[in-house]
Amino acid sequence: MSRSRSLPRAKGGQAIVEFAIFAPLIFLLLLGVLDFGRAVVTYVAIAEAAHDGARQLILIKNIGSTPPDTTLIAATEAEIDGGVSLQEDPCIASGTTPCPSTPTTPNTGYIWITQNRTPGHNEVTVKVTYFYAPLTDIITNAIGGPITLTASSSMRAEY
């Protein structure tokens, strides 16, 4: 009596095709999650930097004198790690651009320091505006371009 043996069909090719279809979608989703995480971390960093800059400003005894902008910018930049480039908002020096303005170069930021610097327990504000660009062009195109992140901190002057 002879038995006929039938060999099972190989289905290894089906798994490869399914992986080839879904792998790019999963990879793009992963890149989107990573870019979103970077944006959240950057926002937290600029919020802490604005808070630290405002704290430095209210501790200055003669707040109404020459603005100590370089000291504030240095203190604010020291709060942010990773080589973030911050500079004073150009609208403060020119007086013509609407304040605060938005940076145009990706991954750079402006620091806007309140114009009301009179002594006597007045409120001062430090605002950091950062032009965040995602790592991948695909994500940038999907969300419509770079994102402007803004954080500000207001405190009452102690002197």
N, C-alpha and C. Protein backbone atom coordinates (compact mmCIF):
# COMPACT_ATOMS: atom_id res chain seq x y z
N MET A 1 0.83 -1.16 0.00
CA MET A 1 0.00 0.00 0.00
C MET A 1 0.89 1.24 0.00
N SER A 2 0.66 2.03 -0.90
CA SER A 2 1.49 3.22 -1.02
C SER A 2 0.75 4.44 -0.47
N ARG A 3 1.46 5.18 0.23
CA ARG A 3 0.89 6.42 0.77
C ARG A 3 1.34 7.59 -0.09
N SER A 4 0.42 8.39 -0.32
CA SER A 4 0.83 9.60 -1.05
C SER A 4 1.06 10.71 -0.04
N ARG A 5 2.17 11.25 -0.14
CA ARG A 5 2.51 12.35 0.77
C ARG A 5 2.37 13.67 0.02
N SER A 6 1.67 14.53 0.65
CA SER A 6 1.59 15.87 0.05
C SER A 6 2.45 16.81 0.91
N LEU A 7 3.23 17.55 0.26
CA LEU A 7 4.10 18.50 0.95
C LEU A 7 3.31 19.78 1.28
N PRO A 8 3.50 20.31 2.47
CA PRO A 8 2.79 21.55 2.80
C PRO A 8 3.32 22.70 1.94
N ARG A 9 2.41 23.58 1.61
CA ARG A 9 2.80 24.74 0.80
C ARG A 9 3.58 25.73 1.65
N ALA A 10 4.57 26.28 1.06
CA ALA A 10 5.37 27.29 1.76
C ALA A 10 4.64 28.62 1.73
N LYS A 11 4.54 29.28 2.89
CA LYS A 11 3.85 30.57 2.98
C LYS A 11 4.82 31.67 3.42
N GLY A 12 6.09 31.44 3.27
CA GLY A 12 7.07 32.43 3.69
C GLY A 12 7.03 33.69 2.86
N GLY A 13 6.66 33.61 1.62
CA GLY A 13 6.61 34.78 0.76
C GLY A 13 5.52 35.76 1.15
N GLN A 14 4.44 35.29 1.72
CA GLN A 14 3.33 36.14 2.12
C GLN A 14 3.75 37.09 3.24
N ALA A 15 4.50 36.59 4.19
CA ALA A 15 4.95 37.42 5.31
C ALA A 15 5.89 38.52 4.83
N ILE A 16 6.73 38.21 3.87
CA ILE A 16 7.66 39.22 3.35
C ILE A 16 6.90 40.32 2.63
N VAL A 17 5.89 39.95 1.87
CA VAL A 17 5.09 40.95 1.15
C VAL A 17 4.33 41.84 2.14
N GLU A 18 3.74 41.24 3.16
CA GLU A 18 3.03 42.03 4.16
C GLU A 18 3.97 42.98 4.89
N PHE A 19 5.15 42.50 5.21
CA PHE A 19 6.14 43.35 5.88
C PHE A 19 6.56 44.49 4.96
N ALA A 20 6.74 44.21 3.67
CA ALA A 20 7.15 45.25 2.72
C ALA A 20 6.08 46.32 2.57
N ILE A 21 4.83 45.95 2.75
CA ILE A 21 3.74 46.93 2.63
C ILE A 21 3.65 47.80 3.88
N PHE A 22 3.74 47.20 5.05
CA PHE A 22 3.50 47.93 6.29
C PHE A 22 4.75 48.52 6.94
N ALA A 23 5.93 48.07 6.59
CA ALA A 23 7.16 48.58 7.21
C ALA A 23 7.35 50.08 6.99
N PRO A 24 7.16 50.61 5.77
CA PRO A 24 7.32 52.07 5.61
C PRO A 24 6.33 52.88 6.45
N LEU A 25 5.11 52.39 6.57
CA LEU A 25 4.12 53.11 7.38
C LEU A 25 4.50 53.10 8.85
N ILE A 26 4.97 51.98 9.33
CA ILE A 26 5.39 51.88 10.73
C ILE A 26 6.62 52.76 10.96
N PHE A 27 7.54 52.78 10.00
CA PHE A 27 8.74 53.60 10.11
C PHE A 27 8.38 55.10 10.14
N LEU A 28 7.45 55.52 9.28
CA LEU A 28 7.01 56.93 9.28
C LEU A 28 6.31 57.29 10.59
N LEU A 29 5.52 56.38 11.10
CA LEU A 29 4.87 56.61 12.39
C LEU A 29 5.90 56.76 13.50
N LEU A 30 6.93 55.94 13.47
CA LEU A 30 8.00 56.03 14.46
C LEU A 30 8.73 57.37 14.35
N LEU A 31 9.03 57.82 13.13
CA LEU A 31 9.68 59.11 12.95
C LEU A 31 8.79 60.25 13.45
N GLY A 32 7.50 60.15 13.20
CA GLY A 32 6.57 61.17 13.70
C GLY A 32 6.55 61.24 15.21
N VAL A 33 6.56 60.09 15.86
CA VAL A 33 6.58 60.05 17.33
C VAL A 33 7.88 60.65 17.85
N LEU A 34 9.00 60.33 17.20
CA LEU A 34 10.29 60.88 17.63
C LEU A 34 10.33 62.40 17.47
N ASP A 35 9.84 62.91 16.33
CA ASP A 35 9.82 64.35 16.12
C ASP A 35 8.89 65.05 17.10
N PHE A 36 7.75 64.44 17.39
CA PHE A 36 6.83 65.02 18.37
C PHE A 36 7.49 65.06 19.75
N GLY A 37 8.19 63.99 20.10
CA GLY A 37 8.91 63.96 21.38
C GLY A 37 9.98 65.03 21.46
N ARG A 38 10.71 65.23 20.36
CA ARG A 38 11.72 66.30 20.32
C ARG A 38 11.07 67.67 20.49
N ALA A 39 9.90 67.86 19.88
CA ALA A 39 9.20 69.14 20.00
C ALA A 39 8.78 69.39 21.45
N VAL A 40 8.30 68.37 22.12
CA VAL A 40 7.89 68.53 23.52
C VAL A 40 9.09 68.85 24.40
N VAL A 41 10.20 68.14 24.18
CA VAL A 41 11.42 68.39 24.96
C VAL A 41 11.92 69.81 24.71
N THR A 42 11.88 70.26 23.45
CA THR A 42 12.32 71.61 23.13
C THR A 42 11.42 72.65 23.79
N TYR A 43 10.11 72.42 23.78
CA TYR A 43 9.20 73.36 24.42
C TYR A 43 9.46 73.46 25.92
N VAL A 44 9.66 72.33 26.56
CA VAL A 44 9.94 72.34 28.00
C VAL A 44 11.24 73.11 28.27
N ALA A 45 12.24 72.91 27.41
CA ALA A 45 13.52 73.61 27.59
C ALA A 45 13.37 75.11 27.44
N ILE A 46 12.61 75.57 26.43
CA ILE A 46 12.47 77.02 26.26
C ILE A 46 11.58 77.62 27.35
N ALA A 47 10.62 76.84 27.86
CA ALA A 47 9.79 77.34 28.97
C ALA A 47 10.63 77.53 30.22
N GLU A 48 11.51 76.57 30.50
CA GLU A 48 12.41 76.70 31.65
C GLU A 48 13.40 77.84 31.45
N ALA A 49 13.84 78.02 30.21
CA ALA A 49 14.78 79.11 29.92
C ALA A 49 14.11 80.47 30.10
N ALA A 50 12.87 80.61 29.67
CA ALA A 50 12.15 81.87 29.87
C ALA A 50 11.96 82.15 31.35
N HIS A 51 11.65 81.13 32.11
CA HIS A 51 11.49 81.29 33.56
C HIS A 51 12.80 81.72 34.21
N ASP A 52 13.91 81.09 33.79
CA ASP A 52 15.21 81.43 34.36
C ASP A 52 15.62 82.85 33.97
N GLY A 53 15.33 83.25 32.74
CA GLY A 53 15.64 84.61 32.31
C GLY A 53 14.84 85.65 33.09
N ALA A 54 13.56 85.37 33.34
CA ALA A 54 12.74 86.30 34.13
C ALA A 54 13.24 86.37 35.56
N ARG A 55 13.67 85.24 36.09
CA ARG A 55 14.20 85.22 37.46
C ARG A 55 15.47 86.06 37.55
N GLN A 56 16.34 85.95 36.55
CA GLN A 56 17.56 86.76 36.53
C GLN A 56 17.21 88.25 36.46
N LEU A 57 16.18 88.58 35.69
CA LEU A 57 15.82 89.99 35.51
C LEU A 57 15.26 90.60 36.79
N ILE A 58 14.45 89.87 37.54
CA ILE A 58 13.86 90.46 38.75
C ILE A 58 14.85 90.57 39.89
N LEU A 59 15.96 89.85 39.82
CA LEU A 59 16.95 89.92 40.89
C LEU A 59 17.90 91.11 40.75
N ILE A 60 17.85 91.79 39.62
CA ILE A 60 18.74 92.93 39.40
C ILE A 60 18.20 94.12 40.20
N LYS A 61 19.06 94.73 41.01
CA LYS A 61 18.61 95.81 41.90
C LYS A 61 18.22 97.06 41.13
N ASN A 62 19.00 97.43 40.15
CA ASN A 62 18.72 98.66 39.40
C ASN A 62 18.13 98.28 38.05
N ILE A 63 16.91 97.78 38.07
CA ILE A 63 16.29 97.25 36.86
C ILE A 63 16.01 98.33 35.82
N GLY A 64 15.86 99.58 36.25
CA GLY A 64 15.55 100.65 35.32
C GLY A 64 16.75 101.19 34.58
N SER A 65 17.96 100.78 34.94
CA SER A 65 19.15 101.29 34.27
C SER A 65 19.35 100.58 32.94
N THR A 66 20.55 100.67 32.44
CA THR A 66 20.86 100.06 31.15
C THR A 66 20.44 98.60 31.14
N PRO A 67 19.69 98.18 30.16
CA PRO A 67 19.20 96.80 30.15
C PRO A 67 20.34 95.79 30.12
N PRO A 68 20.36 94.87 31.04
CA PRO A 68 21.41 93.85 31.08
C PRO A 68 21.08 92.67 30.16
N ASP A 69 20.82 92.99 28.89
CA ASP A 69 20.33 91.96 27.98
C ASP A 69 21.33 90.84 27.75
N THR A 70 22.62 91.15 27.68
CA THR A 70 23.60 90.09 27.44
C THR A 70 23.64 89.11 28.60
N THR A 71 23.48 89.62 29.82
CA THR A 71 23.44 88.73 30.99
C THR A 71 22.22 87.83 30.94
N LEU A 72 21.08 88.40 30.57
CA LEU A 72 19.85 87.61 30.50
C LEU A 72 19.91 86.57 29.40
N ILE A 73 20.45 86.95 28.25
CA ILE A 73 20.55 85.99 27.15
C ILE A 73 21.49 84.86 27.54
N ALA A 74 22.60 85.18 28.18
CA ALA A 74 23.53 84.13 28.61
C ALA A 74 22.88 83.21 29.63
N ALA A 75 22.13 83.77 30.58
CA ALA A 75 21.46 82.93 31.59
C ALA A 75 20.37 82.08 30.96
N THR A 76 19.68 82.62 29.98
CA THR A 76 18.62 81.87 29.32
C THR A 76 19.20 80.77 28.45
N GLU A 77 20.27 81.07 27.72
CA GLU A 77 20.92 80.04 26.89
C GLU A 77 21.53 78.94 27.75
N ALA A 78 22.02 79.29 28.92
CA ALA A 78 22.63 78.29 29.80
C ALA A 78 21.60 77.26 30.26
N GLU A 79 20.34 77.65 30.29
CA GLU A 79 19.28 76.73 30.71
C GLU A 79 18.96 75.70 29.62
N ILE A 80 19.25 76.05 28.36
CA ILE A 80 18.94 75.15 27.25
C ILE A 80 20.21 74.44 26.84
N ASP A 81 20.16 73.11 26.78
CA ASP A 81 21.30 72.33 26.32
C ASP A 81 21.14 72.01 24.84
N GLY A 82 22.21 71.55 24.23
CA GLY A 82 22.12 71.06 22.86
C GLY A 82 22.49 72.07 21.80
N GLY A 83 23.18 73.12 22.15
CA GLY A 83 23.65 74.07 21.14
C GLY A 83 22.55 74.90 20.51
N VAL A 84 21.51 75.22 21.25
CA VAL A 84 20.44 76.05 20.73
C VAL A 84 20.93 77.48 20.63
N SER A 85 20.68 78.10 19.50
CA SER A 85 21.12 79.47 19.29
C SER A 85 19.99 80.43 19.60
N LEU A 86 20.17 81.23 20.65
CA LEU A 86 19.19 82.25 21.01
C LEU A 86 19.85 83.61 20.90
N GLN A 87 19.08 84.60 20.47
CA GLN A 87 19.59 85.96 20.40
C GLN A 87 18.46 86.92 20.75
N GLU A 88 18.85 88.15 21.05
CA GLU A 88 17.84 89.14 21.42
C GLU A 88 16.95 89.42 20.22
N ASP A 89 15.68 89.56 20.48
CA ASP A 89 14.71 89.84 19.42
C ASP A 89 15.10 91.14 18.72
N PRO A 90 15.25 91.12 17.38
CA PRO A 90 15.69 92.34 16.68
C PRO A 90 14.69 93.49 16.78
N CYS A 91 13.46 93.21 17.12
CA CYS A 91 12.48 94.30 17.22
C CYS A 91 12.78 95.22 18.39
N ILE A 92 13.50 94.72 19.40
CA ILE A 92 13.82 95.55 20.56
C ILE A 92 14.79 96.65 20.16
N ALA A 93 15.80 96.29 19.36
CA ALA A 93 16.80 97.28 18.96
C ALA A 93 16.26 98.23 17.90
N SER A 94 15.52 97.71 16.93
CA SER A 94 15.08 98.56 15.82
C SER A 94 13.88 99.41 16.19
N GLY A 95 12.96 98.86 16.95
CA GLY A 95 11.77 99.59 17.32
C GLY A 95 10.75 99.68 16.20
N THR A 96 11.05 99.09 15.03
CA THR A 96 10.12 99.18 13.90
C THR A 96 9.33 97.90 13.70
N THR A 97 9.96 96.77 13.92
CA THR A 97 9.27 95.50 13.71
C THR A 97 8.28 95.27 14.85
N PRO A 98 7.15 94.63 14.56
CA PRO A 98 6.23 94.33 15.66
C PRO A 98 6.87 93.37 16.65
N CYS A 99 6.72 93.67 17.92
CA CYS A 99 7.34 92.84 18.97
C CYS A 99 6.32 91.93 19.59
N PRO A 100 6.68 90.78 20.04
CA PRO A 100 7.89 90.06 19.68
C PRO A 100 7.77 89.47 18.28
N SER A 101 8.89 89.36 17.58
CA SER A 101 8.88 88.83 16.22
C SER A 101 9.20 87.34 16.24
N THR A 102 9.04 86.70 15.08
CA THR A 102 9.25 85.26 14.96
C THR A 102 10.53 85.00 14.18
N PRO A 103 11.40 84.10 14.64
CA PRO A 103 12.61 83.79 13.88
C PRO A 103 12.27 83.12 12.55
N THR A 104 13.14 83.28 11.57
CA THR A 104 12.91 82.69 10.26
C THR A 104 13.86 81.55 9.95
N THR A 105 14.95 81.43 10.67
CA THR A 105 15.90 80.33 10.46
C THR A 105 15.51 79.16 11.36
N PRO A 106 15.37 77.95 10.78
CA PRO A 106 14.98 76.80 11.61
C PRO A 106 15.98 76.53 12.73
N ASN A 107 15.45 76.08 13.86
CA ASN A 107 16.21 75.70 15.05
C ASN A 107 17.02 76.86 15.63
N THR A 108 16.45 78.05 15.57
CA THR A 108 17.00 79.22 16.24
C THR A 108 15.87 79.89 17.02
N GLY A 109 16.23 80.79 17.91
CA GLY A 109 15.19 81.43 18.70
C GLY A 109 15.54 82.85 19.07
N TYR A 110 14.50 83.61 19.44
CA TYR A 110 14.65 84.98 19.91
C TYR A 110 14.21 85.07 21.36
N ILE A 111 14.85 85.97 22.08
CA ILE A 111 14.45 86.29 23.44
C ILE A 111 13.91 87.71 23.43
N TRP A 112 12.69 87.87 23.87
CA TRP A 112 12.09 89.19 23.98
C TRP A 112 11.97 89.52 25.46
N ILE A 113 12.53 90.67 25.82
CA ILE A 113 12.53 91.10 27.22
C ILE A 113 11.63 92.31 27.32
N THR A 114 10.77 92.33 28.32
CA THR A 114 9.78 93.39 28.47
C THR A 114 10.42 94.77 28.42
N GLN A 115 9.68 95.71 27.85
CA GLN A 115 10.17 97.08 27.77
C GLN A 115 9.92 97.85 29.07
N ASN A 116 8.99 97.38 29.89
CA ASN A 116 8.66 98.06 31.15
C ASN A 116 9.66 97.61 32.21
N ARG A 117 10.71 98.40 32.40
CA ARG A 117 11.75 98.03 33.37
C ARG A 117 11.89 99.09 34.45
N THR A 118 10.81 99.66 34.84
CA THR A 118 10.90 100.67 35.90
C THR A 118 10.93 99.99 37.25
N PRO A 119 11.71 100.51 38.19
CA PRO A 119 11.77 99.89 39.51
C PRO A 119 10.46 100.08 40.27
N GLY A 120 10.25 99.26 41.26
CA GLY A 120 9.08 99.42 42.11
C GLY A 120 8.04 98.32 41.95
N HIS A 121 8.47 97.11 42.00
CA HIS A 121 7.57 95.95 42.00
C HIS A 121 6.70 95.86 40.74
N ASN A 122 7.24 96.20 39.61
CA ASN A 122 6.52 96.05 38.36
C ASN A 122 6.76 94.66 37.78
N GLU A 123 5.81 94.23 37.00
CA GLU A 123 5.92 92.91 36.39
C GLU A 123 6.82 92.98 35.16
N VAL A 124 7.71 92.01 35.05
CA VAL A 124 8.59 91.90 33.88
C VAL A 124 8.29 90.58 33.19
N THR A 125 8.49 90.55 31.88
CA THR A 125 8.20 89.36 31.10
C THR A 125 9.39 89.03 30.21
N VAL A 126 9.74 87.76 30.17
CA VAL A 126 10.74 87.25 29.24
C VAL A 126 10.03 86.22 28.38
N LYS A 127 10.12 86.42 27.07
CA LYS A 127 9.45 85.53 26.13
C LYS A 127 10.48 84.93 25.19
N VAL A 128 10.46 83.61 25.03
CA VAL A 128 11.37 82.92 24.13
C VAL A 128 10.53 82.35 22.99
N THR A 129 10.88 82.71 21.76
CA THR A 129 10.22 82.19 20.57
C THR A 129 11.24 81.36 19.81
N TYR A 130 10.89 80.12 19.52
CA TYR A 130 11.83 79.18 18.90
C TYR A 130 11.19 78.60 17.65
N PHE A 131 11.95 78.59 16.56
CA PHE A 131 11.48 78.08 15.27
C PHE A 131 11.95 76.64 15.14
N TYR A 132 11.09 75.70 15.51
CA TYR A 132 11.43 74.27 15.56
C TYR A 132 11.18 73.63 14.20
N ALA A 133 12.19 72.94 13.69
CA ALA A 133 12.05 72.19 12.44
C ALA A 133 12.24 70.71 12.74
N PRO A 134 11.27 69.86 12.34
CA PRO A 134 11.42 68.42 12.55
C PRO A 134 12.64 67.87 11.81
N LEU A 135 13.11 66.71 12.24
CA LEU A 135 14.30 66.11 11.64
C LEU A 135 14.09 65.68 10.19
N THR A 136 12.91 65.19 9.88
CA THR A 136 12.68 64.63 8.55
C THR A 136 11.82 65.56 7.70
N ASP A 137 12.13 65.62 6.41
CA ASP A 137 11.35 66.44 5.50
C ASP A 137 9.95 65.89 5.31
N ILE A 138 9.79 64.59 5.42
CA ILE A 138 8.46 63.99 5.25
C ILE A 138 7.53 64.49 6.35
N ILE A 139 8.02 64.53 7.57
CA ILE A 139 7.20 65.02 8.68
C ILE A 139 6.94 66.52 8.52
N THR A 140 7.94 67.26 8.08
CA THR A 140 7.77 68.70 7.86
C THR A 140 6.68 68.96 6.83
N ASN A 141 6.69 68.20 5.73
CA ASN A 141 5.66 68.36 4.70
C ASN A 141 4.29 67.91 5.20
N ALA A 142 4.26 66.88 6.03
CA ALA A 142 2.98 66.37 6.53
C ALA A 142 2.30 67.37 7.46
N ILE A 143 3.08 68.11 8.26
CA ILE A 143 2.47 69.06 9.19
C ILE A 143 2.41 70.47 8.62
N GLY A 144 2.97 70.67 7.42
CA GLY A 144 2.87 71.97 6.77
C GLY A 144 4.02 72.91 7.04
N GLY A 145 5.15 72.42 7.52
CA GLY A 145 6.31 73.27 7.73
C GLY A 145 6.77 73.27 9.16
N PRO A 146 7.81 74.06 9.44
CA PRO A 146 8.32 74.14 10.81
C PRO A 146 7.28 74.74 11.76
N ILE A 147 7.49 74.51 13.04
CA ILE A 147 6.56 74.95 14.08
C ILE A 147 7.21 76.06 14.90
N THR A 148 6.45 77.08 15.23
CA THR A 148 6.94 78.14 16.11
C THR A 148 6.50 77.82 17.53
N LEU A 149 7.47 77.59 18.40
CA LEU A 149 7.19 77.31 19.81
C LEU A 149 7.44 78.59 20.60
N THR A 150 6.51 78.96 21.47
CA THR A 150 6.64 80.18 22.25
C THR A 150 6.35 79.88 23.72
N ALA A 151 7.23 80.37 24.57
CA ALA A 151 7.02 80.24 26.02
C ALA A 151 7.40 81.56 26.66
N SER A 152 6.63 81.97 27.65
CA SER A 152 6.96 83.22 28.34
C SER A 152 6.79 83.04 29.84
N SER A 153 7.47 83.91 30.56
CA SER A 153 7.39 83.88 32.01
C SER A 153 7.33 85.32 32.50
N SER A 154 6.37 85.60 33.36
CA SER A 154 6.21 86.94 33.94
C SER A 154 6.39 86.84 35.44
N MET A 155 7.16 87.78 35.98
CA MET A 155 7.39 87.83 37.42
C MET A 155 7.38 89.28 37.87
N ARG A 156 7.13 89.49 39.13
CA ARG A 156 7.13 90.83 39.70
C ARG A 156 8.52 91.14 40.23
N ALA A 157 9.04 92.32 39.85
CA ALA A 157 10.38 92.73 40.27
C ALA A 157 10.44 92.89 41.78
N GLU A 158 11.54 92.45 42.38
CA GLU A 158 11.69 92.51 43.83
C GLU A 158 12.17 93.87 44.31
N TYR A 159 12.78 94.65 43.43
CA TYR A 159 13.36 95.92 43.86
C TYR A 159 12.68 97.06 43.17
